[in-house]
């Protein structure tokens, strides 16, 4: 992976399904192969985002919890 800065989607304070909706809206505006980092406080994103990625052909590169926030880094598919 190159040193491209990912597009950041801030979904802190939002509950399901809003983090995925924010992510989907951002994905519509970005070209294929873009890196996107979703940051949220709802632990449900650790299940919801991988499911959304499988359905839409995107790839999870990393997911982690940091200081009570959940970070999911993904690469947009075609």
N, C-alpha and C. Protein backbone atom coordinates (compact mmCIF):
# COMPACT_ATOMS: atom_id res chain seq x y z
N UNK A 1 0.85 -1.18 0.00
CA UNK A 1 0.00 0.00 0.00
C UNK A 1 0.89 1.23 0.00
N UNK A 2 0.51 2.24 -0.77
CA UNK A 2 1.32 3.44 -0.82
C UNK A 2 0.93 4.39 0.32
N UNK A 3 1.56 5.53 0.37
CA UNK A 3 1.39 6.45 1.49
C UNK A 3 0.27 7.46 1.24
N UNK A 4 -0.76 7.05 0.54
CA UNK A 4 -1.90 7.93 0.27
C UNK A 4 -2.69 8.13 1.55
N UNK A 5 -3.05 9.36 1.82
CA UNK A 5 -3.87 9.66 3.00
C UNK A 5 -5.31 9.27 2.72
N UNK A 6 -5.90 8.46 3.59
CA UNK A 6 -7.27 8.04 3.35
C UNK A 6 -8.27 9.19 3.55
N UNK A 7 -9.38 9.10 2.83
CA UNK A 7 -10.49 10.01 3.04
C UNK A 7 -11.12 9.62 4.38
N UNK A 8 -11.35 10.57 5.25
CA UNK A 8 -11.85 10.28 6.59
C UNK A 8 -13.35 10.54 6.67
N UNK A 9 -14.08 9.56 7.19
CA UNK A 9 -15.52 9.71 7.45
C UNK A 9 -15.71 9.66 8.96
N UNK A 10 -16.17 10.76 9.52
CA UNK A 10 -16.36 10.88 10.97
C UNK A 10 -17.80 10.53 11.31
N UNK A 11 -17.98 9.39 11.96
CA UNK A 11 -19.32 8.96 12.36
C UNK A 11 -19.41 8.84 13.89
N UNK A 12 -18.56 9.56 14.59
CA UNK A 12 -18.58 9.52 16.05
C UNK A 12 -19.90 10.08 16.56
N UNK A 13 -20.47 9.37 17.53
CA UNK A 13 -21.73 9.79 18.12
C UNK A 13 -22.96 9.32 17.36
N UNK A 14 -22.77 8.67 16.23
CA UNK A 14 -23.89 8.17 15.42
C UNK A 14 -24.09 6.68 15.67
N UNK A 15 -25.36 6.27 15.68
CA UNK A 15 -25.69 4.87 15.87
C UNK A 15 -26.17 4.26 14.56
N UNK A 16 -26.11 2.94 14.49
CA UNK A 16 -26.55 2.18 13.33
C UNK A 16 -27.96 2.62 12.91
N UNK A 17 -28.18 2.84 11.64
CA UNK A 17 -27.33 2.56 10.48
C UNK A 17 -26.56 3.78 9.97
N UNK A 18 -26.56 4.88 10.72
CA UNK A 18 -25.99 6.13 10.21
C UNK A 18 -24.51 6.06 9.84
N UNK A 19 -23.64 5.36 10.59
CA UNK A 19 -22.24 5.29 10.15
C UNK A 19 -22.09 4.68 8.76
N UNK A 20 -22.83 3.63 8.47
CA UNK A 20 -22.73 2.99 7.15
C UNK A 20 -23.32 3.90 6.08
N UNK A 21 -24.37 4.61 6.41
CA UNK A 21 -24.96 5.56 5.45
C UNK A 21 -23.96 6.67 5.12
N UNK A 22 -23.29 7.19 6.13
CA UNK A 22 -22.25 8.21 5.89
C UNK A 22 -21.14 7.65 5.02
N UNK A 23 -20.73 6.43 5.30
CA UNK A 23 -19.68 5.78 4.53
C UNK A 23 -20.13 5.58 3.08
N UNK A 24 -21.34 5.13 2.89
CA UNK A 24 -21.87 4.91 1.55
C UNK A 24 -21.95 6.22 0.77
N UNK A 25 -22.40 7.28 1.42
CA UNK A 25 -22.46 8.59 0.75
C UNK A 25 -21.08 9.06 0.31
N UNK A 26 -20.08 8.87 1.18
CA UNK A 26 -18.71 9.26 0.83
C UNK A 26 -18.19 8.41 -0.32
N UNK A 27 -18.46 7.11 -0.29
CA UNK A 27 -17.97 6.20 -1.32
C UNK A 27 -18.49 6.58 -2.70
N UNK A 28 -19.70 7.12 -2.76
CA UNK A 28 -20.29 7.51 -4.05
C UNK A 28 -19.52 8.66 -4.70
N UNK A 29 -18.82 9.45 -3.90
CA UNK A 29 -18.12 10.62 -4.42
C UNK A 29 -16.65 10.37 -4.72
N UNK A 30 -16.15 9.17 -4.39
CA UNK A 30 -14.73 8.86 -4.52
C UNK A 30 -14.48 7.86 -5.64
N UNK A 31 -13.31 7.94 -6.28
CA UNK A 31 -13.00 6.99 -7.34
C UNK A 31 -12.68 5.60 -6.78
N UNK A 32 -12.78 4.56 -7.64
CA UNK A 32 -12.39 3.22 -7.22
C UNK A 32 -10.95 3.21 -6.70
N UNK A 33 -10.68 2.30 -5.81
CA UNK A 33 -9.37 2.11 -5.18
C UNK A 33 -9.00 3.18 -4.18
N UNK A 34 -9.94 4.10 -3.88
CA UNK A 34 -9.67 5.10 -2.84
C UNK A 34 -9.62 4.42 -1.48
N UNK A 35 -8.79 4.98 -0.60
CA UNK A 35 -8.75 4.52 0.78
C UNK A 35 -9.69 5.40 1.61
N UNK A 36 -10.44 4.76 2.48
CA UNK A 36 -11.39 5.47 3.33
C UNK A 36 -11.22 4.97 4.76
N UNK A 37 -11.18 5.90 5.70
CA UNK A 37 -11.13 5.53 7.11
C UNK A 37 -12.42 6.01 7.77
N UNK A 38 -13.17 5.07 8.31
CA UNK A 38 -14.38 5.39 9.07
C UNK A 38 -14.03 5.37 10.54
N UNK A 39 -14.40 6.43 11.24
CA UNK A 39 -14.17 6.51 12.68
C UNK A 39 -15.53 6.65 13.33
N UNK A 40 -15.83 5.78 14.29
CA UNK A 40 -17.12 5.83 14.96
C UNK A 40 -17.01 5.38 16.39
N UNK A 41 -18.08 5.62 17.13
CA UNK A 41 -18.14 5.22 18.53
C UNK A 41 -19.12 4.06 18.74
N UNK A 42 -19.86 3.68 17.72
CA UNK A 42 -20.79 2.55 17.79
C UNK A 42 -20.04 1.27 17.45
N UNK A 43 -19.90 0.34 18.39
CA UNK A 43 -19.15 -0.89 18.10
C UNK A 43 -19.78 -1.71 16.99
N UNK A 44 -21.02 -1.44 16.65
CA UNK A 44 -21.69 -2.15 15.56
C UNK A 44 -21.01 -1.98 14.22
N UNK A 45 -20.22 -0.91 14.06
CA UNK A 45 -19.56 -0.72 12.76
C UNK A 45 -18.56 -1.83 12.47
N UNK A 46 -18.06 -2.51 13.51
CA UNK A 46 -17.12 -3.60 13.28
C UNK A 46 -17.78 -4.79 12.61
N UNK A 47 -19.10 -4.87 12.68
CA UNK A 47 -19.85 -5.92 11.97
C UNK A 47 -20.52 -5.35 10.72
N UNK A 48 -21.08 -4.15 10.85
CA UNK A 48 -21.86 -3.58 9.75
C UNK A 48 -21.00 -3.21 8.55
N UNK A 49 -19.83 -2.63 8.79
CA UNK A 49 -18.99 -2.19 7.67
C UNK A 49 -18.43 -3.37 6.88
N UNK A 50 -17.92 -4.44 7.53
CA UNK A 50 -17.49 -5.59 6.73
C UNK A 50 -18.62 -6.20 5.88
N UNK A 51 -19.83 -6.24 6.43
CA UNK A 51 -20.97 -6.76 5.67
C UNK A 51 -21.25 -5.86 4.47
N UNK A 52 -21.24 -4.56 4.68
CA UNK A 52 -21.46 -3.59 3.59
C UNK A 52 -20.38 -3.74 2.52
N UNK A 53 -19.14 -3.94 2.96
CA UNK A 53 -18.03 -4.11 2.02
C UNK A 53 -18.20 -5.37 1.17
N UNK A 54 -18.59 -6.47 1.80
CA UNK A 54 -18.79 -7.72 1.05
C UNK A 54 -19.87 -7.54 -0.01
N UNK A 55 -20.95 -6.88 0.33
CA UNK A 55 -22.06 -6.67 -0.61
C UNK A 55 -21.64 -5.78 -1.76
N UNK A 56 -20.79 -4.78 -1.48
CA UNK A 56 -20.47 -3.75 -2.48
C UNK A 56 -19.10 -3.91 -3.13
N UNK A 57 -18.36 -4.96 -2.79
CA UNK A 57 -17.09 -5.22 -3.45
C UNK A 57 -15.93 -4.38 -2.96
N UNK A 58 -16.00 -3.93 -1.71
CA UNK A 58 -14.90 -3.18 -1.12
C UNK A 58 -14.09 -4.10 -0.20
N UNK A 59 -12.92 -3.65 0.21
CA UNK A 59 -12.01 -4.50 0.98
C UNK A 59 -11.62 -3.82 2.29
N UNK A 60 -11.82 -4.53 3.41
CA UNK A 60 -11.36 -4.05 4.71
C UNK A 60 -9.85 -4.30 4.79
N UNK A 61 -9.11 -3.25 5.11
CA UNK A 61 -7.66 -3.38 5.26
C UNK A 61 -7.26 -3.49 6.73
N UNK A 62 -8.02 -2.84 7.59
CA UNK A 62 -7.68 -2.83 9.01
C UNK A 62 -8.90 -2.38 9.81
N UNK A 63 -9.07 -2.94 10.99
CA UNK A 63 -10.06 -2.42 11.93
C UNK A 63 -9.46 -2.53 13.32
N UNK A 64 -9.71 -1.50 14.11
CA UNK A 64 -9.13 -1.47 15.45
C UNK A 64 -9.95 -0.56 16.37
N UNK A 65 -9.77 -0.77 17.67
CA UNK A 65 -10.37 0.10 18.67
C UNK A 65 -9.25 0.92 19.29
N UNK A 66 -9.50 2.20 19.44
CA UNK A 66 -8.49 3.10 19.99
C UNK A 66 -9.19 4.16 20.84
N UNK A 67 -8.95 4.14 22.14
CA UNK A 67 -9.53 5.12 23.05
C UNK A 67 -11.05 5.21 22.94
N UNK A 68 -11.70 4.05 22.86
CA UNK A 68 -13.16 4.02 22.80
C UNK A 68 -13.75 4.36 21.45
N UNK A 69 -12.89 4.52 20.45
CA UNK A 69 -13.36 4.78 19.09
C UNK A 69 -12.96 3.60 18.21
N UNK A 70 -13.79 3.36 17.21
CA UNK A 70 -13.55 2.25 16.29
C UNK A 70 -13.12 2.83 14.95
N UNK A 71 -12.02 2.31 14.43
CA UNK A 71 -11.45 2.77 13.16
C UNK A 71 -11.49 1.61 12.18
N UNK A 72 -12.04 1.87 11.01
CA UNK A 72 -12.06 0.87 9.95
C UNK A 72 -11.46 1.50 8.70
N UNK A 73 -10.37 0.92 8.22
CA UNK A 73 -9.73 1.38 7.00
C UNK A 73 -10.13 0.44 5.88
N UNK A 74 -10.62 1.00 4.77
CA UNK A 74 -11.03 0.16 3.67
C UNK A 74 -10.61 0.74 2.34
N UNK A 75 -10.58 -0.13 1.35
CA UNK A 75 -10.26 0.25 -0.01
C UNK A 75 -11.50 0.03 -0.86
N UNK A 76 -11.90 1.07 -1.57
CA UNK A 76 -13.10 0.96 -2.40
C UNK A 76 -12.82 0.12 -3.63
N UNK A 77 -13.76 -0.73 -3.97
CA UNK A 77 -13.67 -1.55 -5.16
C UNK A 77 -14.15 -0.80 -6.39
N UNK A 78 -14.28 -1.52 -7.47
CA UNK A 78 -14.74 -0.93 -8.73
C UNK A 78 -16.21 -0.62 -8.59
